[in-house]
All heavy atoms as atom14 arrays in JSON, in Angstrom:
{
  "sequence": "VNLDIGQRVTVPAWDNGRARVMYRGALWDVELGKGATPHAGDFRIVE",
  "atom14_mask": [
    [1, 1, 1, 1, 1, 1, 1, 0, 0, 0, 0, 0, 0, 0],
    [1, 1, 1, 1, 1, 1, 1, 1, 0, 0, 0, 0, 0, 0],
    [1, 1, 1, 1, 1, 1, 1, 1, 0, 0, 0, 0, 0, 0],
    [1, 1, 1, 1, 1, 1, 1, 1, 0, 0, 0, 0, 0, 0],
    [1, 1, 1, 1, 1, 1, 1, 1, 0, 0, 0, 0, 0, 0],
    [1, 1, 1, 1, 0, 0, 0, 0, 0, 0, 0, 0, 0, 0],
    [1, 1, 1, 1, 1, 1, 1, 1, 1, 0, 0, 0, 0, 0],
    [1, 1, 1, 1, 1, 1, 1, 1, 1, 1, 1, 0, 0, 0],
    [1, 1, 1, 1, 1, 1, 1, 0, 0, 0, 0, 0, 0, 0],
    [1, 1, 1, 1, 1, 1, 1, 0, 0, 0, 0, 0, 0, 0],
    [1, 1, 1, 1, 1, 1, 1, 0, 0, 0, 0, 0, 0, 0],
    [1, 1, 1, 1, 1, 1, 1, 0, 0, 0, 0, 0, 0, 0],
    [1, 1, 1, 1, 1, 0, 0, 0, 0, 0, 0, 0, 0, 0],
    [1, 1, 1, 1, 1, 1, 1, 1, 1, 1, 1, 1, 1, 1],
    [1, 1, 1, 1, 1, 1, 1, 1, 0, 0, 0, 0, 0, 0],
    [1, 1, 1, 1, 1, 1, 1, 1, 0, 0, 0, 0, 0, 0],
    [1, 1, 1, 1, 0, 0, 0, 0, 0, 0, 0, 0, 0, 0],
    [1, 1, 1, 1, 1, 1, 1, 1, 1, 1, 1, 0, 0, 0],
    [1, 1, 1, 1, 1, 0, 0, 0, 0, 0, 0, 0, 0, 0],
    [1, 1, 1, 1, 1, 1, 1, 1, 1, 1, 1, 0, 0, 0],
    [1, 1, 1, 1, 1, 1, 1, 0, 0, 0, 0, 0, 0, 0],
    [1, 1, 1, 1, 1, 1, 1, 1, 0, 0, 0, 0, 0, 0],
    [1, 1, 1, 1, 1, 1, 1, 1, 1, 1, 1, 1, 0, 0],
    [1, 1, 1, 1, 1, 1, 1, 1, 1, 1, 1, 0, 0, 0],
    [1, 1, 1, 1, 0, 0, 0, 0, 0, 0, 0, 0, 0, 0],
    [1, 1, 1, 1, 1, 0, 0, 0, 0, 0, 0, 0, 0, 0],
    [1, 1, 1, 1, 1, 1, 1, 1, 0, 0, 0, 0, 0, 0],
    [1, 1, 1, 1, 1, 1, 1, 1, 1, 1, 1, 1, 1, 1],
    [1, 1, 1, 1, 1, 1, 1, 1, 0, 0, 0, 0, 0, 0],
    [1, 1, 1, 1, 1, 1, 1, 0, 0, 0, 0, 0, 0, 0],
    [1, 1, 1, 1, 1, 1, 1, 1, 1, 0, 0, 0, 0, 0],
    [1, 1, 1, 1, 1, 1, 1, 1, 0, 0, 0, 0, 0, 0],
    [1, 1, 1, 1, 0, 0, 0, 0, 0, 0, 0, 0, 0, 0],
    [1, 1, 1, 1, 1, 1, 1, 1, 1, 0, 0, 0, 0, 0],
    [1, 1, 1, 1, 0, 0, 0, 0, 0, 0, 0, 0, 0, 0],
    [1, 1, 1, 1, 1, 0, 0, 0, 0, 0, 0, 0, 0, 0],
    [1, 1, 1, 1, 1, 1, 1, 0, 0, 0, 0, 0, 0, 0],
    [1, 1, 1, 1, 1, 1, 1, 0, 0, 0, 0, 0, 0, 0],
    [1, 1, 1, 1, 1, 1, 1, 1, 1, 1, 0, 0, 0, 0],
    [1, 1, 1, 1, 1, 0, 0, 0, 0, 0, 0, 0, 0, 0],
    [1, 1, 1, 1, 0, 0, 0, 0, 0, 0, 0, 0, 0, 0],
    [1, 1, 1, 1, 1, 1, 1, 1, 0, 0, 0, 0, 0, 0],
    [1, 1, 1, 1, 1, 1, 1, 1, 1, 1, 1, 0, 0, 0],
    [1, 1, 1, 1, 1, 1, 1, 1, 1, 1, 1, 0, 0, 0],
    [1, 1, 1, 1, 1, 1, 1, 1, 0, 0, 0, 0, 0, 0],
    [1, 1, 1, 1, 1, 1, 1, 0, 0, 0, 0, 0, 0, 0],
    [1, 1, 1, 1, 1, 1, 1, 1, 1, 0, 0, 0, 0, 0]
  ],
  "atom14_positions": [
    [[-35.33, -13.22, -35.09], [-35.78, -11.91, -34.75], [-34.54, -10.9, -34.69], [-34.63, -9.8, -35.14], [-36.56, -11.85, -33.39], [-36.9, -10.41, -32.97], [-37.77, -12.72, -33.59], [0.0, 0.0, 0.0], [0.0, 0.0, 0.0], [0.0, 0.0, 0.0], [0.0, 0.0, 0.0], [0.0, 0.0, 0.0], [0.0, 0.0, 0.0], [0.0, 0.0, 0.0]],
    [[-33.51, -11.4, -34.07], [-32.32, -10.5, -33.79], [-31.1, -11.26, -34.44], [-30.62, -12.26, -33.88], [-32.13, -10.3, -32.35], [-31.12, -9.2, -32.05], [-30.2, -9.03, -32.79], [-31.33, -8.54, -30.97], [0.0, 0.0, 0.0], [0.0, 0.0, 0.0], [0.0, 0.0, 0.0], [0.0, 0.0, 0.0], [0.0, 0.0, 0.0], [0.0, 0.0, 0.0]],
    [[-30.55, -10.69, -35.4], [-29.43, -11.3, -36.12], [-28.13, -11.26, -35.4], [-27.13, -11.84, -35.79], [-29.26, -10.69, -37.56], [-30.49, -10.9, -38.47], [-30.18, -10.22, -39.85], [-30.72, -12.38, -38.67], [0.0, 0.0, 0.0], [0.0, 0.0, 0.0], [0.0, 0.0, 0.0], [0.0, 0.0, 0.0], [0.0, 0.0, 0.0], [0.0, 0.0, 0.0]],
    [[-28.09, -10.51, -34.21], [-26.91, -10.45, -33.42], [-26.67, -11.78, -32.65], [-25.54, -12.07, -32.28], [-26.87, -9.28, -32.43], [-26.81, -7.95, -33.16], [-26.06, -7.87, -34.11], [-27.57, -7.02, -32.74], [0.0, 0.0, 0.0], [0.0, 0.0, 0.0], [0.0, 0.0, 0.0], [0.0, 0.0, 0.0], [0.0, 0.0, 0.0], [0.0, 0.0, 0.0]],
    [[-27.76, -12.5, -32.46], [-27.65, -13.78, -31.7], [-26.73, -14.76, -32.43], [-26.95, -14.95, -33.62], [-29.04, -14.41, -31.51], [-30.01, -13.45, -30.8], [-28.94, -15.67, -30.71], [-29.6, -12.99, -29.43], [0.0, 0.0, 0.0], [0.0, 0.0, 0.0], [0.0, 0.0, 0.0], [0.0, 0.0, 0.0], [0.0, 0.0, 0.0], [0.0, 0.0, 0.0]],
    [[-25.75, -15.23, -31.76], [-24.79, -16.17, -32.36], [-23.54, -15.53, -32.89], [-22.62, -16.2, -33.22], [0.0, 0.0, 0.0], [0.0, 0.0, 0.0], [0.0, 0.0, 0.0], [0.0, 0.0, 0.0], [0.0, 0.0, 0.0], [0.0, 0.0, 0.0], [0.0, 0.0, 0.0], [0.0, 0.0, 0.0], [0.0, 0.0, 0.0], [0.0, 0.0, 0.0]],
    [[-23.55, -14.21, -32.94], [-22.32, -13.48, -33.42], [-21.28, -13.5, -32.3], [-21.49, -13.72, -31.14], [-22.68, -12.07, -33.82], [-23.68, -11.97, -34.96], [-23.16, -12.56, -36.26], [-21.94, -12.38, -36.59], [-23.96, -13.32, -36.93], [0.0, 0.0, 0.0], [0.0, 0.0, 0.0], [0.0, 0.0, 0.0], [0.0, 0.0, 0.0], [0.0, 0.0, 0.0]],
    [[-20.05, -13.29, -32.77], [-18.89, -13.28, -31.85], [-18.54, -11.82, -31.43], [-18.7, -10.88, -32.2], [-17.66, -13.86, -32.49], [-17.86, -15.25, -33.0], [-17.58, -16.23, -31.88], [-17.8, -17.57, -32.37], [-18.28, -18.53, -31.7], [-18.67, -18.3, -30.43], [-18.4, -19.72, -32.12], [0.0, 0.0, 0.0], [0.0, 0.0, 0.0], [0.0, 0.0, 0.0]],
    [[-18.12, -11.68, -30.2], [-17.64, -10.34, -29.69], [-16.46, -10.6, -28.83], [-16.35, -11.65, -28.12], [-18.82, -9.7, -28.92], [-19.18, -10.41, -27.69], [-18.41, -8.22, -28.6], [0.0, 0.0, 0.0], [0.0, 0.0, 0.0], [0.0, 0.0, 0.0], [0.0, 0.0, 0.0], [0.0, 0.0, 0.0], [0.0, 0.0, 0.0], [0.0, 0.0, 0.0]],
    [[-15.45, -9.72, -28.9], [-14.21, -9.87, -28.17], [-14.24, -8.98, -26.98], [-14.47, -7.76, -27.11], [-13.01, -9.5, -29.03], [-12.97, -10.38, -30.17], [-11.72, -9.72, -28.2], [0.0, 0.0, 0.0], [0.0, 0.0, 0.0], [0.0, 0.0, 0.0], [0.0, 0.0, 0.0], [0.0, 0.0, 0.0], [0.0, 0.0, 0.0], [0.0, 0.0, 0.0]],
    [[-14.16, -9.55, -25.8], [-14.14, -8.78, -24.51], [-12.71, -8.77, -24.01], [-12.11, -9.76, -23.68], [-15.06, -9.43, -23.48], [-15.05, -8.71, -22.14], [-16.48, -9.59, -24.03], [0.0, 0.0, 0.0], [0.0, 0.0, 0.0], [0.0, 0.0, 0.0], [0.0, 0.0, 0.0], [0.0, 0.0, 0.0], [0.0, 0.0, 0.0], [0.0, 0.0, 0.0]],
    [[-12.15, -7.51, -23.9], [-10.77, -7.39, -23.42], [-10.64, -7.62, -21.98], [-9.56, -8.19, -21.48], [-10.4, -5.95, -23.81], [-11.66, -5.22, -23.96], [-12.68, -6.21, -24.31], [0.0, 0.0, 0.0], [0.0, 0.0, 0.0], [0.0, 0.0, 0.0], [0.0, 0.0, 0.0], [0.0, 0.0, 0.0], [0.0, 0.0, 0.0], [0.0, 0.0, 0.0]],
    [[-11.56, -7.19, -21.13], [-11.48, -7.37, -19.64], [-12.88, -7.3, -19.03], [-13.78, -6.65, -19.57], [-10.55, -6.3, -19.03], [0.0, 0.0, 0.0], [0.0, 0.0, 0.0], [0.0, 0.0, 0.0], [0.0, 0.0, 0.0], [0.0, 0.0, 0.0], [0.0, 0.0, 0.0], [0.0, 0.0, 0.0], [0.0, 0.0, 0.0], [0.0, 0.0, 0.0]],
    [[-12.98, -7.91, -17.88], [-14.28, -7.98, -17.16], [-14.16, -7.2, -15.86], [-13.07, -7.18, -15.29], [-14.73, -9.44, -16.83], [-15.05, -10.19, -18.09], [-14.27, -10.99, -18.81], [-16.36, -10.19, -18.71], [-14.96, -11.5, -19.87], [-16.24, -11.06, -19.81], [-17.57, -9.56, -18.45], [-17.31, -11.26, -20.71], [-18.6, -9.83, -19.28], [-18.54, -10.67, -20.43]],
    [[-15.28, -6.65, -15.42], [-15.35, -5.95, -14.13], [-16.65, -6.4, -13.47], [-17.73, -5.93, -13.7], [-15.36, -4.41, -14.34], [-15.39, -3.63, -13.06], [-14.99, -4.21, -12.0], [-15.86, -2.49, -13.07], [0.0, 0.0, 0.0], [0.0, 0.0, 0.0], [0.0, 0.0, 0.0], [0.0, 0.0, 0.0], [0.0, 0.0, 0.0], [0.0, 0.0, 0.0]],
    [[-16.5, -7.37, -12.54], [-17.6, -7.94, -11.8], [-18.69, -8.46, -12.75], [-19.93, -8.26, -12.55], [-18.24, -6.87, -10.88], [-17.29, -6.51, -9.73], [-16.51, -7.39, -9.27], [-17.36, -5.26, -9.3], [0.0, 0.0, 0.0], [0.0, 0.0, 0.0], [0.0, 0.0, 0.0], [0.0, 0.0, 0.0], [0.0, 0.0, 0.0], [0.0, 0.0, 0.0]],
    [[-18.28, -9.2, -13.71], [-19.23, -9.89, -14.64], [-19.8, -8.93, -15.7], [-20.76, -9.32, -16.39], [0.0, 0.0, 0.0], [0.0, 0.0, 0.0], [0.0, 0.0, 0.0], [0.0, 0.0, 0.0], [0.0, 0.0, 0.0], [0.0, 0.0, 0.0], [0.0, 0.0, 0.0], [0.0, 0.0, 0.0], [0.0, 0.0, 0.0], [0.0, 0.0, 0.0]],
    [[-19.31, -7.75, -15.8], [-19.78, -6.84, -16.8], [-18.62, -6.21, -17.56], [-17.48, -6.2, -17.11], [-20.56, -5.66, -16.19], [-21.83, -6.17, -15.48], [-22.74, -5.02, -15.12], [-23.86, -5.45, -14.41], [-25.0, -5.79, -14.99], [-25.16, -5.66, -16.25], [-26.06, -6.15, -14.25], [0.0, 0.0, 0.0], [0.0, 0.0, 0.0], [0.0, 0.0, 0.0]],
    [[-18.9, -5.72, -18.79], [-17.76, -5.15, -19.62], [-18.43, -4.14, -20.63], [-19.67, -4.14, -20.81], [-17.0, -6.25, -20.33], [0.0, 0.0, 0.0], [0.0, 0.0, 0.0], [0.0, 0.0, 0.0], [0.0, 0.0, 0.0], [0.0, 0.0, 0.0], [0.0, 0.0, 0.0], [0.0, 0.0, 0.0], [0.0, 0.0, 0.0], [0.0, 0.0, 0.0]],
    [[-17.59, -3.34, -21.26], [-18.0, -2.48, -22.35], [-17.15, -2.83, -23.54], [-15.92, -2.97, -23.39], [-17.78, -1.04, -22.04], [-18.54, -0.45, -20.9], [-19.87, 0.06, -21.16], [-19.81, 1.32, -22.01], [-20.86, 1.87, -22.61], [-22.04, 1.2, -22.54], [-20.74, 2.94, -23.32], [0.0, 0.0, 0.0], [0.0, 0.0, 0.0], [0.0, 0.0, 0.0]],
    [[-17.77, -3.13, -24.67], [-17.01, -3.51, -25.89], [-17.51, -2.7, -27.08], [-18.63, -2.22, -27.14], [-17.2, -5.0, -26.15], [-16.61, -5.87, -25.07], [-18.63, -5.4, -26.46], [0.0, 0.0, 0.0], [0.0, 0.0, 0.0], [0.0, 0.0, 0.0], [0.0, 0.0, 0.0], [0.0, 0.0, 0.0], [0.0, 0.0, 0.0], [0.0, 0.0, 0.0]],
    [[-16.7, -2.63, -28.09], [-17.1, -2.05, -29.34], [-17.61, -3.13, -30.21], [-16.93, -4.17, -30.45], [-15.86, -1.36, -30.01], [-16.2, -0.59, -31.29], [-17.25, 0.77, -30.97], [-16.11, 2.02, -30.44], [0.0, 0.0, 0.0], [0.0, 0.0, 0.0], [0.0, 0.0, 0.0], [0.0, 0.0, 0.0], [0.0, 0.0, 0.0], [0.0, 0.0, 0.0]],
    [[-18.86, -2.98, -30.66], [-19.49, -4.06, -31.53], [-20.28, -3.31, -32.51], [-21.13, -2.46, -32.21], [-20.31, -5.01, -30.57], [-21.16, -6.04, -31.44], [-20.55, -6.96, -32.14], [-22.53, -5.91, -31.42], [-21.28, -7.86, -32.87], [-23.32, -6.85, -32.18], [-22.7, -7.84, -32.89], [-23.38, -8.69, -33.6], [0.0, 0.0, 0.0], [0.0, 0.0, 0.0]],
    [[-20.18, -3.63, -33.81], [-20.84, -2.98, -34.91], [-20.73, -1.42, -34.85], [-21.67, -0.76, -35.14], [-22.32, -3.38, -34.96], [-22.52, -4.85, -35.33], [-23.95, -5.17, -35.65], [-24.82, -4.94, -34.57], [-26.01, -4.23, -34.66], [-26.41, -3.75, -35.84], [-26.81, -4.09, -33.61], [0.0, 0.0, 0.0], [0.0, 0.0, 0.0], [0.0, 0.0, 0.0]],
    [[-19.58, -0.97, -34.49], [-19.31, 0.48, -34.49], [-19.83, 1.27, -33.38], [-19.98, 2.48, -33.43], [0.0, 0.0, 0.0], [0.0, 0.0, 0.0], [0.0, 0.0, 0.0], [0.0, 0.0, 0.0], [0.0, 0.0, 0.0], [0.0, 0.0, 0.0], [0.0, 0.0, 0.0], [0.0, 0.0, 0.0], [0.0, 0.0, 0.0], [0.0, 0.0, 0.0]],
    [[-20.34, 0.63, -32.31], [-20.92, 1.27, -31.19], [-20.4, 0.57, -29.91], [-20.1, -0.58, -29.91], [-22.4, 1.32, -31.27], [0.0, 0.0, 0.0], [0.0, 0.0, 0.0], [0.0, 0.0, 0.0], [0.0, 0.0, 0.0], [0.0, 0.0, 0.0], [0.0, 0.0, 0.0], [0.0, 0.0, 0.0], [0.0, 0.0, 0.0], [0.0, 0.0, 0.0]],
    [[-20.5, 1.32, -28.79], [-20.16, 0.71, -27.46], [-21.42, 0.01, -26.9], [-22.49, 0.53, -26.96], [-19.74, 1.79, -26.45], [-18.26, 2.2, -26.55], [-17.99, 3.32, -25.58], [-17.34, 1.08, -26.26], [0.0, 0.0, 0.0], [0.0, 0.0, 0.0], [0.0, 0.0, 0.0], [0.0, 0.0, 0.0], [0.0, 0.0, 0.0], [0.0, 0.0, 0.0]],
    [[-21.19, -1.22, -26.49], [-22.3, -1.99, -25.93], [-21.88, -2.43, -24.5], [-20.66, -2.7, -24.21], [-22.49, -3.24, -26.75], [-23.03, -3.01, -28.08], [-22.4, -2.47, -29.15], [-24.39, -3.33, -28.49], [-23.23, -2.47, -30.27], [-24.52, -2.95, -29.89], [-25.49, -3.97, -27.93], [-25.65, -3.19, -30.65], [-26.65, -4.11, -28.66], [-26.7, -3.74, -30.0]],
    [[-22.88, -2.54, -23.63], [-22.68, -3.18, -22.28], [-22.76, -4.68, -22.54], [-23.6, -5.21, -23.29], [-23.73, -2.74, -21.32], [-23.68, -1.3, -20.95], [-22.53, -0.81, -20.88], [-24.68, -0.66, -20.72], [0.0, 0.0, 0.0], [0.0, 0.0, 0.0], [0.0, 0.0, 0.0], [0.0, 0.0, 0.0], [0.0, 0.0, 0.0], [0.0, 0.0, 0.0]],
    [[-21.9, -5.4, -21.91], [-21.86, -6.9, -21.98], [-21.97, -7.47, -20.61], [-21.3, -6.94, -19.67], [-20.55, -7.33, -22.68], [-20.51, -8.84, -22.82], [-20.4, -6.67, -24.08], [0.0, 0.0, 0.0], [0.0, 0.0, 0.0], [0.0, 0.0, 0.0], [0.0, 0.0, 0.0], [0.0, 0.0, 0.0], [0.0, 0.0, 0.0], [0.0, 0.0, 0.0]],
    [[-22.7, -8.52, -20.49], [-22.78, -9.26, -19.24], [-22.65, -10.79, -19.48], [-23.07, -11.21, -20.58], [-23.92, -8.91, -18.37], [-25.28, -9.48, -18.9], [-26.44, -9.03, -17.97], [-26.49, -7.88, -17.52], [-27.24, -9.94, -17.75], [0.0, 0.0, 0.0], [0.0, 0.0, 0.0], [0.0, 0.0, 0.0], [0.0, 0.0, 0.0], [0.0, 0.0, 0.0]],
    [[-22.19, -11.49, -18.51], [-22.03, -12.91, -18.68], [-23.35, -13.64, -18.57], [-24.21, -13.38, -17.69], [-21.08, -13.47, -17.61], [-19.6, -13.14, -17.79], [-18.87, -13.51, -16.58], [-19.05, -13.84, -18.99], [0.0, 0.0, 0.0], [0.0, 0.0, 0.0], [0.0, 0.0, 0.0], [0.0, 0.0, 0.0], [0.0, 0.0, 0.0], [0.0, 0.0, 0.0]],
    [[-23.57, -14.64, -19.43], [-24.72, -15.46, -19.29], [-24.47, -16.57, -18.3], [-23.39, -16.7, -17.72], [0.0, 0.0, 0.0], [0.0, 0.0, 0.0], [0.0, 0.0, 0.0], [0.0, 0.0, 0.0], [0.0, 0.0, 0.0], [0.0, 0.0, 0.0], [0.0, 0.0, 0.0], [0.0, 0.0, 0.0], [0.0, 0.0, 0.0], [0.0, 0.0, 0.0]],
    [[-25.5, -17.44, -18.05], [-25.36, -18.5, -17.08], [-24.26, -19.45, -17.49], [-24.17, -19.86, -18.65], [-26.66, -19.25, -16.92], [-27.73, -18.42, -16.27], [-29.02, -19.23, -16.1], [-30.03, -18.35, -15.46], [-31.32, -19.07, -15.31], [0.0, 0.0, 0.0], [0.0, 0.0, 0.0], [0.0, 0.0, 0.0], [0.0, 0.0, 0.0], [0.0, 0.0, 0.0]],
    [[-23.4, -19.8, -16.57], [-22.37, -20.77, -16.78], [-21.16, -20.23, -17.54], [-20.21, -20.99, -17.75], [0.0, 0.0, 0.0], [0.0, 0.0, 0.0], [0.0, 0.0, 0.0], [0.0, 0.0, 0.0], [0.0, 0.0, 0.0], [0.0, 0.0, 0.0], [0.0, 0.0, 0.0], [0.0, 0.0, 0.0], [0.0, 0.0, 0.0], [0.0, 0.0, 0.0]],
    [[-21.13, -18.99, -17.93], [-19.98, -18.42, -18.59], [-18.95, -17.99, -17.6], [-19.24, -17.53, -16.49], [-20.38, -17.24, -19.5], [0.0, 0.0, 0.0], [0.0, 0.0, 0.0], [0.0, 0.0, 0.0], [0.0, 0.0, 0.0], [0.0, 0.0, 0.0], [0.0, 0.0, 0.0], [0.0, 0.0, 0.0], [0.0, 0.0, 0.0], [0.0, 0.0, 0.0]],
    [[-17.69, -18.07, -17.95], [-16.56, -17.7, -17.09], [-15.97, -16.28, -17.57], [-15.78, -16.19, -18.77], [-15.43, -18.77, -17.02], [-14.99, -19.0, -18.32], [-15.99, -20.03, -16.4], [0.0, 0.0, 0.0], [0.0, 0.0, 0.0], [0.0, 0.0, 0.0], [0.0, 0.0, 0.0], [0.0, 0.0, 0.0], [0.0, 0.0, 0.0], [0.0, 0.0, 0.0]],
    [[-15.67, -15.41, -16.63], [-15.13, -14.14, -17.04], [-13.66, -14.24, -17.33], [-12.79, -14.24, -16.47], [-15.39, -13.28, -15.82], [-15.44, -14.22, -14.67], [-15.9, -15.5, -15.2], [0.0, 0.0, 0.0], [0.0, 0.0, 0.0], [0.0, 0.0, 0.0], [0.0, 0.0, 0.0], [0.0, 0.0, 0.0], [0.0, 0.0, 0.0], [0.0, 0.0, 0.0]],
    [[-13.34, -14.25, -18.64], [-11.94, -14.22, -19.07], [-11.87, -13.35, -20.31], [-12.87, -13.2, -21.04], [-11.42, -15.67, -19.34], [-12.14, -16.34, -20.52], [-13.37, -16.96, -20.32], [-11.87, -16.41, -21.8], [-13.75, -17.45, -21.51], [-12.88, -17.15, -22.46], [0.0, 0.0, 0.0], [0.0, 0.0, 0.0], [0.0, 0.0, 0.0], [0.0, 0.0, 0.0]],
    [[-10.69, -12.82, -20.53], [-10.54, -11.99, -21.79], [-10.54, -12.93, -23.01], [-9.95, -14.02, -23.0], [-9.19, -11.24, -21.66], [0.0, 0.0, 0.0], [0.0, 0.0, 0.0], [0.0, 0.0, 0.0], [0.0, 0.0, 0.0], [0.0, 0.0, 0.0], [0.0, 0.0, 0.0], [0.0, 0.0, 0.0], [0.0, 0.0, 0.0], [0.0, 0.0, 0.0]],
    [[-11.27, -12.53, -24.05], [-11.29, -13.33, -25.24], [-12.63, -13.22, -25.97], [-13.38, -12.32, -25.76], [0.0, 0.0, 0.0], [0.0, 0.0, 0.0], [0.0, 0.0, 0.0], [0.0, 0.0, 0.0], [0.0, 0.0, 0.0], [0.0, 0.0, 0.0], [0.0, 0.0, 0.0], [0.0, 0.0, 0.0], [0.0, 0.0, 0.0], [0.0, 0.0, 0.0]],
    [[-12.82, -14.12, -26.87], [-14.05, -14.18, -27.71], [-15.2, -14.85, -26.97], [-15.0, -15.84, -26.25], [-13.75, -14.94, -28.98], [-12.91, -14.15, -29.95], [-12.82, -12.89, -29.76], [-12.32, -14.75, -30.84], [0.0, 0.0, 0.0], [0.0, 0.0, 0.0], [0.0, 0.0, 0.0], [0.0, 0.0, 0.0], [0.0, 0.0, 0.0], [0.0, 0.0, 0.0]],
    [[-16.38, -14.29, -27.16], [-17.59, -14.81, -26.58], [-18.67, -14.87, -27.7], [-18.61, -14.13, -28.67], [-18.1, -14.0, -25.38], [-17.18, -14.16, -24.22], [-16.09, -13.37, -24.05], [-17.57, -14.97, -23.14], [-15.28, -13.48, -22.94], [-16.75, -15.12, -22.08], [-15.61, -14.36, -21.95], [0.0, 0.0, 0.0], [0.0, 0.0, 0.0], [0.0, 0.0, 0.0]],
    [[-19.72, -15.65, -27.48], [-20.85, -15.77, -28.44], [-22.06, -15.03, -27.77], [-22.35, -15.24, -26.58], [-21.18, -17.22, -28.66], [-22.31, -17.48, -29.68], [-22.48, -18.91, -29.9], [-22.51, -19.69, -28.7], [-23.52, -19.95, -27.88], [-24.72, -19.56, -28.2], [-23.47, -20.71, -26.84], [0.0, 0.0, 0.0], [0.0, 0.0, 0.0], [0.0, 0.0, 0.0]],
    [[-22.74, -14.16, -28.57], [-23.88, -13.44, -28.1], [-25.06, -14.39, -28.05], [-25.43, -15.1, -28.98], [-24.28, -12.28, -28.98], [-23.07, -11.32, -29.02], [-25.46, -11.61, -28.53], [-23.17, -10.2, -30.04], [0.0, 0.0, 0.0], [0.0, 0.0, 0.0], [0.0, 0.0, 0.0], [0.0, 0.0, 0.0], [0.0, 0.0, 0.0], [0.0, 0.0, 0.0]],
    [[-25.69, -14.58, -26.84], [-26.87, -15.48, -26.66], [-28.15, -14.73, -26.49], [-29.23, -15.26, -26.64], [-26.61, -16.49, -25.55], [-25.46, -17.43, -25.92], [-26.31, -15.77, -24.21], [0.0, 0.0, 0.0], [0.0, 0.0, 0.0], [0.0, 0.0, 0.0], [0.0, 0.0, 0.0], [0.0, 0.0, 0.0], [0.0, 0.0, 0.0], [0.0, 0.0, 0.0]],
    [[-28.11, -13.48, -26.01], [-29.29, -12.66, -25.78], [-28.92, -11.24, -26.04], [-27.8, -10.76, -25.88], [-29.84, -12.74, -24.36], [-30.52, -14.06, -23.99], [-31.07, -13.99, -22.61], [-31.93, -13.13, -22.33], [-30.58, -14.79, -21.77], [0.0, 0.0, 0.0], [0.0, 0.0, 0.0], [0.0, 0.0, 0.0], [0.0, 0.0, 0.0], [0.0, 0.0, 0.0]]
  ]
}
């Protein structure tokens, strides 16, 4: 249904489990899924 699932996104920094990133030419809100640790780096989109 959503082709973004499984894609990679780079998060430069986290603020209480949330972040703002540039993805596909737009700013997106990002939050951690269950079991994910907040560190700068690449993440996989799950939802």
